[in-house]
C-alpha atoms as a PDB file:
ATOM      1  CA  MET A   1      17.756  93.822  -5.922  1.00  0.00           C
ATOM      2  CA  PRO A   2      16.087  94.006  -2.462  1.00  0.00           C
ATOM      3  CA  ALA A   3      13.293  96.478  -1.813  1.00  0.00           C
ATOM      4  CA  LEU A   4      14.443 100.039  -1.090  1.00  0.00           C
ATOM      5  CA  LEU A   5      12.460 101.000   2.010  1.00  0.00           C
ATOM      6  CA  ASP A   6      14.495 103.950   3.247  1.00  0.00           C
ATOM      7  CA  THR A   7      16.999 106.431   1.830  1.00  0.00           C
ATOM      8  CA  PRO A   8      19.630 107.206   4.481  1.00  0.00           C
ATOM      9  CA  LEU A   9      20.797 110.485   2.931  1.00  0.00           C
ATOM     10  CA  PRO A  10      21.614 113.667   4.857  1.00  0.00           C
ATOM     11  CA  ASN A  11      19.160 116.529   5.406  1.00  0.00           C
ATOM     12  CA  ARG A  12      15.916 114.852   4.414  1.00  0.00           C
ATOM     13  CA  LEU A  13      13.211 117.439   3.932  1.00  0.00           C
ATOM     14  CA  TYR A  14      10.162 115.187   3.855  1.00  0.00           C
ATOM     15  CA  ARG A  15       9.229 111.512   4.140  1.00  0.00           C
ATOM     16  CA  GLY A  16       5.903 110.569   2.596  1.00  0.00           C
ATOM     17  CA  LYS A  17       4.148 107.231   2.341  1.00  0.00           C
ATOM     18  CA  VAL A  18       6.307 106.347  -0.676  1.00  0.00           C
ATOM     19  CA  ARG A  19       8.618 109.270  -1.524  1.00  0.00           C
ATOM     20  CA  ASP A  20      11.602 110.724   0.316  1.00  0.00           C
ATOM     21  CA  THR A  21      12.446 114.317  -0.614  1.00  0.00           C
ATOM     22  CA  TYR A  22      15.668 116.289  -0.195  1.00  0.00           C
ATOM     23  CA  ASP A  23      16.401 119.985  -0.745  1.00  0.00           C
ATOM     24  CA  LEU A  24      19.103 120.582  -3.362  1.00  0.00           C
ATOM     25  CA  GLY A  25      18.913 124.353  -3.067  1.00  0.00           C
ATOM     26  CA  GLY A  26      18.223 126.772  -5.892  1.00  0.00           C
ATOM     27  CA  GLY A  27      14.547 125.847  -5.973  1.00  0.00           C
ATOM     28  CA  LEU A  28      15.254 122.184  -6.760  1.00  0.00           C
ATOM     29  CA  LEU A  29      14.435 118.977  -4.903  1.00  0.00           C
ATOM     30  CA  LEU A  30      15.647 115.390  -5.109  1.00  0.00           C
ATOM     31  CA  MET A  31      12.611 113.108  -4.990  1.00  0.00           C
ATOM     32  CA  VAL A  32      13.206 109.403  -4.419  1.00  0.00           C
ATOM     33  CA  ALA A  33      10.412 106.935  -5.172  1.00  0.00           C
ATOM     34  CA  THR A  34      11.104 104.156  -2.670  1.00  0.00           C
ATOM     35  CA  ASP A  35       9.729 100.619  -2.852  1.00  0.00           C
ATOM     36  CA  ARG A  36       7.374 101.237   0.077  1.00  0.00           C
ATOM     37  CA  ILE A  37       3.742 100.467  -0.683  1.00  0.00           C
ATOM     38  CA  SER A  38       0.666 101.794   1.079  1.00  0.00           C
ATOM     39  CA  ALA A  39      -2.909 100.561   1.048  1.00  0.00           C
ATOM     40  CA  PHE A  40      -5.894 102.248   2.673  1.00  0.00           C
ATOM     41  CA  ASP A  41      -3.435 105.064   3.568  1.00  0.00           C
ATOM     42  CA  VAL A  42      -1.261 102.738   5.692  1.00  0.00           C
ATOM     43  CA  VAL A  43       2.326 101.826   4.740  1.00  0.00           C
ATOM     44  CA  MET A  44       3.050  98.094   4.618  1.00  0.00           C
ATOM     45  CA  PRO A  45       6.049  96.812   6.632  1.00  0.00           C
ATOM     46  CA  ASN A  46       7.662  95.265   3.552  1.00  0.00           C
ATOM     47  CA  GLY A  47       7.979  96.694   0.058  1.00  0.00           C
ATOM     48  CA  ILE A  48       7.830  95.697  -3.610  1.00  0.00           C
ATOM     49  CA  PRO A  49      11.271  95.410  -5.279  1.00  0.00           C
ATOM     50  CA  ASP A  50      11.658  97.681  -8.357  1.00  0.00           C
ATOM     51  CA  LYS A  51       8.372  99.458  -7.561  1.00  0.00           C
ATOM     52  CA  GLY A  52      10.039 102.846  -7.127  1.00  0.00           C
ATOM     53  CA  TYR A  53      11.949 102.318 -10.362  1.00  0.00           C
ATOM     54  CA  VAL A  54       8.646 101.778 -12.178  1.00  0.00           C
ATOM     55  CA  LEU A  55       6.996 104.793 -10.507  1.00  0.00           C
ATOM     56  CA  SER A  56       9.802 107.213 -11.325  1.00  0.00           C
ATOM     57  CA  ARG A  57      10.117 106.071 -14.949  1.00  0.00           C
ATOM     58  CA  MET A  58       6.372 105.949 -15.575  1.00  0.00           C
ATOM     59  CA  SER A  59       5.914 109.423 -14.113  1.00  0.00           C
ATOM     60  CA  ARG A  60       8.649 110.675 -16.442  1.00  0.00           C
ATOM     61  CA  PHE A  61       6.853 109.088 -19.408  1.00  0.00           C
ATOM     62  CA  TRP A  62       3.537 110.761 -18.592  1.00  0.00           C
ATOM     63  CA  PHE A  63       5.105 114.113 -17.705  1.00  0.00           C
ATOM     64  CA  GLU A  64       6.769 114.148 -21.113  1.00  0.00           C
ATOM     65  CA  GLN A  65       3.553 113.081 -22.847  1.00  0.00           C
ATOM     66  CA  THR A  66       1.373 115.780 -21.252  1.00  0.00           C
ATOM     67  CA  THR A  67       3.497 118.939 -21.423  1.00  0.00           C
ATOM     68  CA  HIS A  68       1.228 120.226 -24.196  1.00  0.00           C
ATOM     69  CA  ILE A  69      -1.633 120.219 -21.654  1.00  0.00           C
ATOM     70  CA  VAL A  70       0.063 121.476 -18.483  1.00  0.00           C
ATOM     71  CA  PRO A  71       3.684 121.980 -17.378  1.00  0.00           C
ATOM     72  CA  ASN A  72       5.173 119.850 -14.604  1.00  0.00           C
ATOM     73  CA  HIS A  73       7.948 119.855 -12.038  1.00  0.00           C
ATOM     74  CA  LEU A  74      10.329 117.336 -13.640  1.00  0.00           C
ATOM     75  CA  VAL A  75      13.868 118.467 -14.473  1.00  0.00           C
ATOM     76  CA  GLY A  76      15.437 115.056 -15.090  1.00  0.00           C
ATOM     77  CA  MET A  77      16.333 111.659 -13.669  1.00  0.00           C
ATOM     78  CA  ALA A  78      19.074 111.480 -11.061  1.00  0.00           C
ATOM     79  CA  ASP A  79      21.020 108.839 -13.032  1.00  0.00           C
ATOM     80  CA  ASP A  80      20.896 110.890 -16.244  1.00  0.00           C
ATOM     81  CA  PRO A  81      23.469 113.717 -15.820  1.00  0.00           C
ATOM     82  CA  GLY A  82      22.730 115.029 -19.290  1.00  0.00           C
ATOM     83  CA  SER A  83      19.201 116.019 -18.240  1.00  0.00           C
ATOM     84  CA  LEU A  84      20.296 117.859 -15.096  1.00  0.00           C
ATOM     85  CA  GLY A  85      22.676 120.544 -16.329  1.00  0.00           C
ATOM     86  CA  ALA A  86      24.801 122.054 -13.559  1.00  0.00           C
ATOM     87  CA  THR A  87      22.758 120.203 -10.932  1.00  0.00           C
ATOM     88  CA  ALA A  88      24.504 116.983 -11.994  1.00  0.00           C
ATOM     89  CA  GLY A  89      27.539 118.256 -10.090  1.00  0.00           C
ATOM     90  CA  HIS A  90      25.662 118.670  -6.806  1.00  0.00           C
ATOM     91  CA  PRO A  91      27.420 116.604  -4.103  1.00  0.00           C
ATOM     92  CA  LEU A  92      24.207 114.770  -3.200  1.00  0.00           C
ATOM     93  CA  ILE A  93      23.622 113.786  -6.844  1.00  0.00           C
ATOM     94  CA  GLU A  94      27.237 112.854  -7.524  1.00  0.00           C
ATOM     95  CA  ASN A  95      27.395 110.570  -4.494  1.00  0.00           C
ATOM     96  CA  LEU A  96      24.026 108.884  -4.796  1.00  0.00           C
ATOM     97  CA  PRO A  97      24.204 105.087  -4.480  1.00  0.00           C
ATOM     98  CA  ARG A  98      23.082 103.390  -7.689  1.00  0.00           C
ATOM     99  CA  GLU A  99      20.095 101.731  -6.022  1.00  0.00           C
ATOM    100  CA  ILE A 100      18.766 105.180  -5.067  1.00  0.00           C
ATOM    101  CA  ALA A 101      19.772 107.115  -8.201  1.00  0.00           C
ATOM    102  CA  ARG A 102      17.897 104.713 -10.498  1.00  0.00           C
ATOM    103  CA  GLN A 103      14.564 105.648  -8.942  1.00  0.00           C
ATOM    104  CA  ALA A 104      15.139 109.291  -8.109  1.00  0.00           C
ATOM    105  CA  SER A 105      14.349 112.471  -9.995  1.00  0.00           C
ATOM    106  CA  VAL A 106      15.268 116.134  -9.734  1.00  0.00           C
ATOM    107  CA  VAL A 107      12.212 118.370  -9.672  1.00  0.00           C
ATOM    108  CA  ARG A 108      11.378 122.039  -9.317  1.00  0.00           C
ATOM    109  CA  ARG A 109      10.065 123.050  -5.912  1.00  0.00           C
ATOM    110  CA  ALA A 110       6.498 124.346  -6.085  1.00  0.00           C
ATOM    111  CA  LYS A 111       3.928 125.510  -3.559  1.00  0.00           C
ATOM    112  CA  ARG A 112       1.717 122.451  -3.213  1.00  0.00           C
ATOM    113  CA  ILE A 113      -2.047 122.788  -3.467  1.00  0.00           C
ATOM    114  CA  ASP A 114      -3.379 120.574  -0.683  1.00  0.00           C
ATOM    115  CA  VAL A 115      -5.937 118.689  -2.774  1.00  0.00           C
ATOM    116  CA  GLU A 116      -5.807 115.183  -4.231  1.00  0.00           C
ATOM    117  CA  CYS A 117      -7.473 115.699  -7.614  1.00  0.00           C
ATOM    118  CA  VAL A 118      -9.261 112.394  -8.192  1.00  0.00           C
ATOM    119  CA  VAL A 119     -11.069 111.622 -11.446  1.00  0.00           C
ATOM    120  CA  ARG A 120     -13.211 108.541 -12.027  1.00  0.00           C
ATOM    121  CA  ALA A 121     -14.511 107.072 -15.278  1.00  0.00           C
ATOM    122  CA  TYR A 122     -15.713 103.710 -13.916  1.00  0.00           C
ATOM    123  CA  LEU A 123     -17.555 102.602 -10.796  1.00  0.00           C
ATOM    124  CA  THR A 124     -15.288 100.766  -8.376  1.00  0.00           C
ATOM    125  CA  GLY A 125     -13.462 101.115  -5.066  1.00  0.00           C
ATOM    126  CA  SER A 126     -14.850 103.535  -2.487  1.00  0.00           C
ATOM    127  CA  ALA A 127     -17.313 104.925  -5.036  1.00  0.00           C
ATOM    128  CA  LEU A 128     -18.808 101.440  -5.454  1.00  0.00           C
ATOM    129  CA  SER A 129     -19.048 100.972  -1.688  1.00  0.00           C
ATOM    130  CA  GLU A 130     -21.054 104.168  -1.310  1.00  0.00           C
ATOM    131  CA  TYR A 131     -23.213 103.402  -4.343  1.00  0.00           C
ATOM    132  CA  ASN A 132     -24.144  99.979  -2.974  1.00  0.00           C
ATOM    133  CA  LYS A 133     -25.177 101.535   0.346  1.00  0.00           C
ATOM    134  CA  THR A 134     -26.936 104.727  -0.756  1.00  0.00           C
ATOM    135  CA  GLY A 135     -27.315 104.730  -4.530  1.00  0.00           C
ATOM    136  CA  THR A 136     -25.128 107.849  -4.708  1.00  0.00           C
ATOM    137  CA  ILE A 137     -21.534 108.436  -5.764  1.00  0.00           C
ATOM    138  CA  PHE A 138     -19.788 110.911  -3.475  1.00  0.00           C
ATOM    139  CA  GLY A 139     -23.151 112.365  -2.635  1.00  0.00           C
ATOM    140  CA  ALA A 140     -24.314 112.779  -6.230  1.00  0.00           C
ATOM    141  CA  PRO A 141     -27.327 110.920  -7.645  1.00  0.00           C
ATOM    142  CA  ALA A 142     -26.384 107.998  -9.906  1.00  0.00           C
ATOM    143  CA  PRO A 143     -28.274 105.722 -12.326  1.00  0.00           C
ATOM    144  CA  LYS A 144     -29.778 102.586 -10.833  1.00  0.00           C
ATOM    145  CA  GLY A 145     -28.436  99.122 -11.578  1.00  0.00           C
ATOM    146  CA  LEU A 146     -24.743  99.945 -11.950  1.00  0.00           C
ATOM    147  CA  ARG A 147     -22.279  97.116 -11.307  1.00  0.00           C
ATOM    148  CA  ASP A 148     -18.673  96.942 -10.194  1.00  0.00           C
ATOM    149  CA  GLY A 149     -16.623  98.142 -13.170  1.00  0.00           C
ATOM    150  CA  ASP A 150     -19.419  99.831 -15.110  1.00  0.00           C
ATOM    151  CA  ARG A 151     -18.528 102.960 -17.093  1.00  0.00           C
ATOM    152  CA  LEU A 152     -19.954 106.068 -15.449  1.00  0.00           C
ATOM    153  CA  PRO A 153     -22.242 108.299 -17.542  1.00  0.00           C
ATOM    154  CA  GLU A 154     -19.582 111.037 -17.394  1.00  0.00           C
ATOM    155  CA  LEU A 155     -16.247 111.725 -15.743  1.00  0.00           C
ATOM    156  CA  MET A 156     -16.511 112.490 -12.038  1.00  0.00           C
ATOM    157  CA  PHE A 157     -14.236 114.823 -10.071  1.00  0.00           C
ATOM    158  CA  THR A 158     -14.053 113.481  -6.502  1.00  0.00           C
ATOM    159  CA  PRO A 159     -11.243 115.370  -4.731  1.00  0.00           C
ATOM    160  CA  THR A 160      -9.911 114.508  -1.292  1.00  0.00           C
ATOM    161  CA  THR A 161      -7.762 116.173   1.308  1.00  0.00           C
ATOM    162  CA  LYS A 162      -4.004 115.660   1.181  1.00  0.00           C
ATOM    163  CA  ALA A 163      -3.439 114.089   4.597  1.00  0.00           C
ATOM    164  CA  GLU A 164       0.089 114.061   6.048  1.00  0.00           C
ATOM    165  CA  THR A 165      -0.897 111.069   8.208  1.00  0.00           C
ATOM    166  CA  GLY A 166      -4.004 108.890   8.364  1.00  0.00           C
ATOM    167  CA  HIS A 167      -6.777 108.798   5.812  1.00  0.00           C
ATOM    168  CA  ASP A 168      -7.516 111.327   3.065  1.00  0.00           C
ATOM    169  CA  MET A 169     -11.045 112.718   3.433  1.00  0.00           C
ATOM    170  CA  PRO A 170     -13.543 113.527   0.654  1.00  0.00           C
ATOM    171  CA  MET A 171     -13.911 117.166  -0.401  1.00  0.00           C
ATOM    172  CA  THR A 172     -16.774 118.859  -2.193  1.00  0.00           C
ATOM    173  CA  MET A 173     -16.140 121.286  -5.034  1.00  0.00           C
ATOM    174  CA  GLU A 174     -17.128 124.025  -2.613  1.00  0.00           C
ATOM    175  CA  ASP A 175     -14.394 122.818  -0.228  1.00  0.00           C
ATOM    176  CA  VAL A 176     -11.829 123.046  -3.041  1.00  0.00           C
ATOM    177  CA  GLU A 177     -13.037 126.538  -3.947  1.00  0.00           C
ATOM    178  CA  ASN A 178     -12.729 127.659  -0.329  1.00  0.00           C
ATOM    179  CA  LEU A 179      -9.175 126.311  -0.169  1.00  0.00           C
ATOM    180  CA  ALA A 180      -7.861 127.381  -3.575  1.00  0.00           C
ATOM    181  CA  GLY A 181     -10.295 130.020  -4.806  1.00  0.00           C
ATOM    182  CA  THR A 182     -13.065 129.615  -7.360  1.00  0.00           C
ATOM    183  CA  GLU A 183     -11.010 130.194 -10.498  1.00  0.00           C
ATOM    184  CA  LEU A 184      -8.141 127.913  -9.506  1.00  0.00           C
ATOM    185  CA  ALA A 185     -10.543 125.188  -8.302  1.00  0.00           C
ATOM    186  CA  ARG A 186     -12.246 125.137 -11.689  1.00  0.00           C
ATOM    187  CA  ARG A 187      -8.894 125.021 -13.458  1.00  0.00           C
ATOM    188  CA  LEU A 188      -7.813 122.078 -11.290  1.00  0.00           C
ATOM    189  CA  LYS A 189     -10.904 120.153 -12.344  1.00  0.00           C
ATOM    190  CA  ASP A 190     -10.582 121.070 -16.028  1.00  0.00           C
ATOM    191  CA  VAL A 191      -6.875 120.177 -16.259  1.00  0.00           C
ATOM    192  CA  THR A 192      -7.402 116.938 -14.331  1.00  0.00           C
ATOM    193  CA  PHE A 193     -10.134 115.906 -16.792  1.00  0.00           C
ATOM    194  CA  THR A 194      -8.037 116.861 -19.848  1.00  0.00           C
ATOM    195  CA  VAL A 195      -4.936 114.952 -18.686  1.00  0.00           C
ATOM    196  CA  PHE A 196      -7.089 111.969 -17.750  1.00  0.00           C
ATOM    197  CA  GLN A 197      -8.853 111.838 -21.126  1.00  0.00           C
ATOM    198  CA  PHE A 198      -5.537 112.049 -22.976  1.00  0.00           C
ATOM    199  CA  ALA A 199      -4.074 109.231 -20.875  1.00  0.00           C
ATOM    200  CA  HIS A 200      -7.265 107.147 -21.087  1.00  0.00           C
ATOM    201  CA  ASP A 201      -7.196 107.266 -24.888  1.00  0.00           C
ATOM    202  CA  HIS A 202      -3.480 106.404 -25.027  1.00  0.00           C
ATOM    203  CA  ALA A 203      -3.905 103.505 -22.580  1.00  0.00           C
ATOM    204  CA  LEU A 204      -6.873 102.075 -24.473  1.00  0.00           C
ATOM    205  CA  ARG A 205      -4.791 101.918 -27.640  1.00  0.00           C
ATOM    206  CA  ARG A 206      -2.343  99.817 -25.586  1.00  0.00           C
ATOM    207  CA  GLY A 207      -5.036  97.434 -24.347  1.00  0.00           C
ATOM    208  CA  ILE A 208      -5.424  99.015 -20.900  1.00  0.00           C
ATOM    209  CA  ILE A 209      -8.445 100.752 -19.405  1.00  0.00           C
ATOM    210  CA  LEU A 210      -7.592 103.703 -17.151  1.00  0.00           C
ATOM    211  CA  ALA A 211     -10.460 103.512 -14.652  1.00  0.00           C
ATOM    212  CA  ASP A 212      -9.454 106.331 -12.322  1.00  0.00           C
ATOM    213  CA  THR A 213      -6.444 108.255 -11.075  1.00  0.00           C
ATOM    214  CA  LYS A 214      -5.369 111.034  -8.764  1.00  0.00           C
ATOM    215  CA  MET A 215      -3.148 114.004  -9.539  1.00  0.00           C
ATOM    216  CA  GLU A 216      -1.394 116.623  -7.472  1.00  0.00           C
ATOM    217  CA  PHE A 217      -0.684 120.203  -8.464  1.00  0.00           C
ATOM    218  CA  GLY A 218       1.390 123.113  -7.263  1.00  0.00           C
ATOM    219  CA  MET A 219       2.041 126.733  -8.151  1.00  0.00           C
ATOM    220  CA  LEU A 220       5.398 127.877  -9.495  1.00  0.00           C
ATOM    221  CA  ASP A 221       6.003 131.462 -10.589  1.00  0.00           C
ATOM    222  CA  GLY A 222       2.257 132.009 -10.768  1.00  0.00           C
ATOM    223  CA  GLN A 223       1.732 128.985 -13.011  1.00  0.00           C
ATOM    224  CA  LEU A 224      -0.202 125.788 -12.289  1.00  0.00           C
ATOM    225  CA  ILE A 225       1.992 122.693 -12.682  1.00  0.00           C
ATOM    226  CA  LEU A 226       1.714 118.949 -12.094  1.00  0.00           C
ATOM    227  CA  ILE A 227       3.826 117.624  -9.221  1.00  0.00           C
ATOM    228  CA  ASP A 228       4.600 114.403  -7.326  1.00  0.00           C
ATOM    229  CA  GLU A 229       3.750 111.376  -9.530  1.00  0.00           C
ATOM    230  CA  LEU A 230       1.533 110.991 -12.565  1.00  0.00           C
ATOM    231  CA  LEU A 231      -0.577 108.077 -13.796  1.00  0.00           C
ATOM    232  CA  THR A 232       1.346 105.317 -12.043  1.00  0.00           C
ATOM    233  CA  PRO A 233       0.073 101.952 -10.746  1.00  0.00           C
ATOM    234  CA  ASP A 234       0.157 103.532  -7.276  1.00  0.00           C
ATOM    235  CA  SER A 235      -2.100 106.439  -8.169  1.00  0.00           C
ATOM    236  CA  SER A 236      -4.311 104.816 -10.822  1.00  0.00           C
ATOM    237  CA  ARG A 237      -6.404 101.776 -11.626  1.00  0.00           C
ATOM    238  CA  PHE A 238      -5.193 100.092 -14.814  1.00  0.00           C
ATOM    239  CA  TRP A 239      -7.431  97.280 -16.098  1.00  0.00           C
ATOM    240  CA  ASP A 240      -6.698  94.708 -18.791  1.00  0.00           C
ATOM    241  CA  ALA A 241      -9.089  95.670 -21.597  1.00  0.00           C
ATOM    242  CA  THR A 242      -9.215  92.121 -22.973  1.00  0.00           C
ATOM    243  CA  GLY A 243     -10.527  90.742 -19.669  1.00  0.00           C
ATOM    244  CA  TYR A 244     -12.845  93.633 -18.841  1.00  0.00           C
ATOM    245  CA  ALA A 245     -16.298  92.473 -17.706  1.00  0.00           C
ATOM    246  CA  PRO A 246     -18.463  94.544 -15.337  1.00  0.00           C
ATOM    247  CA  GLY A 247     -19.854  92.826 -12.276  1.00  0.00           C
ATOM    248  CA  LYS A 248     -16.574  91.724 -10.697  1.00  0.00           C
ATOM    249  CA  SER A 249     -13.095  92.888  -9.775  1.00  0.00           C
ATOM    250  CA  GLN A 250     -11.249  93.524 -13.038  1.00  0.00           C
ATOM    251  CA  PRO A 251      -7.904  91.982 -14.056  1.00  0.00           C
ATOM    252  CA  ASN A 252      -5.491  94.761 -13.222  1.00  0.00           C
ATOM    253  CA  PHE A 253      -1.952  96.105 -13.375  1.00  0.00           C
ATOM    254  CA  ASP A 254      -1.920  98.168 -10.186  1.00  0.00           C
ATOM    255  CA  LYS A 255      -1.992  97.877  -6.406  1.00  0.00           C
ATOM    256  CA  GLN A 256      -5.635  96.776  -6.330  1.00  0.00           C
ATOM    257  CA  PHE A 257      -4.130  93.290  -6.184  1.00  0.00           C
ATOM    258  CA  VAL A 258      -2.641  94.198  -2.791  1.00  0.00           C
ATOM    259  CA  ARG A 259      -5.883  95.806  -1.606  1.00  0.00           C
ATOM    260  CA  ASP A 260      -7.856  92.686  -2.564  1.00  0.00           C
ATOM    261  CA  TYR A 261      -5.438  90.483  -0.623  1.00  0.00           C
ATOM    262  CA  LEU A 262      -5.654  92.721   2.449  1.00  0.00           C
ATOM    263  CA  VAL A 263      -9.459  92.758   2.386  1.00  0.00           C
ATOM    264  CA  LYS A 264      -9.544  88.949   2.243  1.00  0.00           C
ATOM    265  CA  SER A 265      -6.992  88.752   5.061  1.00  0.00           C
ATOM    266  CA  GLY A 266      -9.426  90.402   7.465  1.00  0.00           C
ATOM    267  CA  TRP A 267      -7.091  93.304   8.311  1.00  0.00           C
ATOM    268  CA  ASN A 268      -9.026  96.228   9.828  1.00  0.00           C
ATOM    269  CA  ARG A 269      -7.220  98.863   7.697  1.00  0.00           C
ATOM    270  CA  GLU A 270      -5.582 100.456  10.728  1.00  0.00           C
ATOM    271  CA  PRO A 271      -1.893 100.339  11.743  1.00  0.00           C
ATOM    272  CA  PRO A 272      -0.008  98.132  12.146  1.00  0.00           C
ATOM    273  CA  ALA A 273      -0.347  96.612   8.690  1.00  0.00           C
ATOM    274  CA  PRO A 274       0.419  92.920   8.095  1.00  0.00           C
ATOM    275  CA  VAL A 275       3.520  91.734   6.279  1.00  0.00           C
ATOM    276  CA  LEU A 276       2.754  90.944   2.638  1.00  0.00           C
ATOM    277  CA  PRO A 277       3.497  87.296   1.688  1.00  0.00           C
ATOM    278  CA  ASP A 278       6.264  86.621  -0.813  1.00  0.00           C
ATOM    279  CA  ASP A 279       3.867  85.542  -3.563  1.00  0.00           C
ATOM    280  CA  ILE A 280       1.801  88.740  -3.218  1.00  0.00           C
ATOM    281  CA  VAL A 281       5.006  90.788  -3.401  1.00  0.00           C
ATOM    282  CA  ALA A 282       6.219  88.932  -6.515  1.00  0.00           C
ATOM    283  CA  LYS A 283       2.876  89.158  -8.340  1.00  0.00           C
ATOM    284  CA  THR A 284       2.518  92.857  -7.510  1.00  0.00           C
ATOM    285  CA  ARG A 285       6.010  93.546  -8.848  1.00  0.00           C
ATOM    286  CA  GLU A 286       5.135  91.752 -12.072  1.00  0.00           C
ATOM    287  CA  ARG A 287       1.939  93.787 -12.467  1.00  0.00           C
ATOM    288  CA  TYR A 288       3.820  97.067 -12.083  1.00  0.00           C
ATOM    289  CA  LEU A 289       6.394  96.047 -14.664  1.00  0.00           C
ATOM    290  CA  GLN A 290       3.667  94.950 -17.083  1.00  0.00           C
ATOM    291  CA  ALA A 291       1.868  98.263 -16.664  1.00  0.00           C
ATOM    292  CA  TYR A 292       5.021 100.165 -17.614  1.00  0.00           C
ATOM    293  CA  GLU A 293       5.853  97.963 -20.572  1.00  0.00           C
ATOM    294  CA  ARG A 294       2.340  97.963 -22.018  1.00  0.00           C
ATOM    295  CA  LEU A 295       1.758 101.686 -21.590  1.00  0.00           C
ATOM    296  CA  THR A 296       5.158 102.861 -22.831  1.00  0.00           C
ATOM    297  CA  GLY A 297       5.956 100.120 -25.329  1.00  0.00           C
ATOM    298  CA  HIS A 298       9.383  99.573 -23.756  1.00  0.00           C
ATOM    299  CA  LYS A 299      10.809  96.971 -21.373  1.00  0.00           C
ATOM    300  CA  LEU A 300      12.156  98.397 -18.141  1.00  0.00           C
ATOM    301  CA  LEU A 301      14.231  95.463 -16.881  1.00  0.00           C
END
């Protein structure tokens, strides 16, 4: 099946880097995980076939696994009428093309908190870049001699802005408190850490190291809930535990493979992005499928 890059449905409410969202009325949204892929906050011109299918199904898995920690926005999958109740009869749902329905979900509409809640357990990515330059990690002192992939002494909460366009920018805890209030900011950090630790332990039992991830939250009826996606290869770094060795880029099941290719290509990380070669597309697709199968214990395709 070719990559799904756009969803030509009526009355689109929002188009993000990856997701297209439609208002179903009654406080519900249709959220479609397309096959678009972004790197360094820029959307690539071509996509990864089946990527959105993986994202939607993996998010469902983690939402179901973490309801004992925090509620979430998921109602059900668009191709599963039994999970949708009366919403299954909505004209938009009933007439969805199969290629869209398979990677779409119905979710409750919440008031988004404009913070990307990032948690890190290992030194890599932008944190490594800063550490190599200054010896700090997001401005905080860090032990000397750490290498790419080393476990951090403790979990780090490194939130960023939720940019509509362009690059997300780092936020301090004080910034989060000013935006959300002190009590809610602390709850965001605590819940992010608790969900991460639960997922980290589950993944490790499956032979995968969860190095870092980002989560998004919203408020619904006065309650904090998880929204958007959760613990996918787009939002997380998943490393193969059997090949883990600090001091180098780790064998992974996420879009770090695409980032590594783009860095080697010499691209300046600004639009327009280059077209991804066929072999990079195919290998990225395989990594996403492997991540789902190893973490859930089930084959997707």
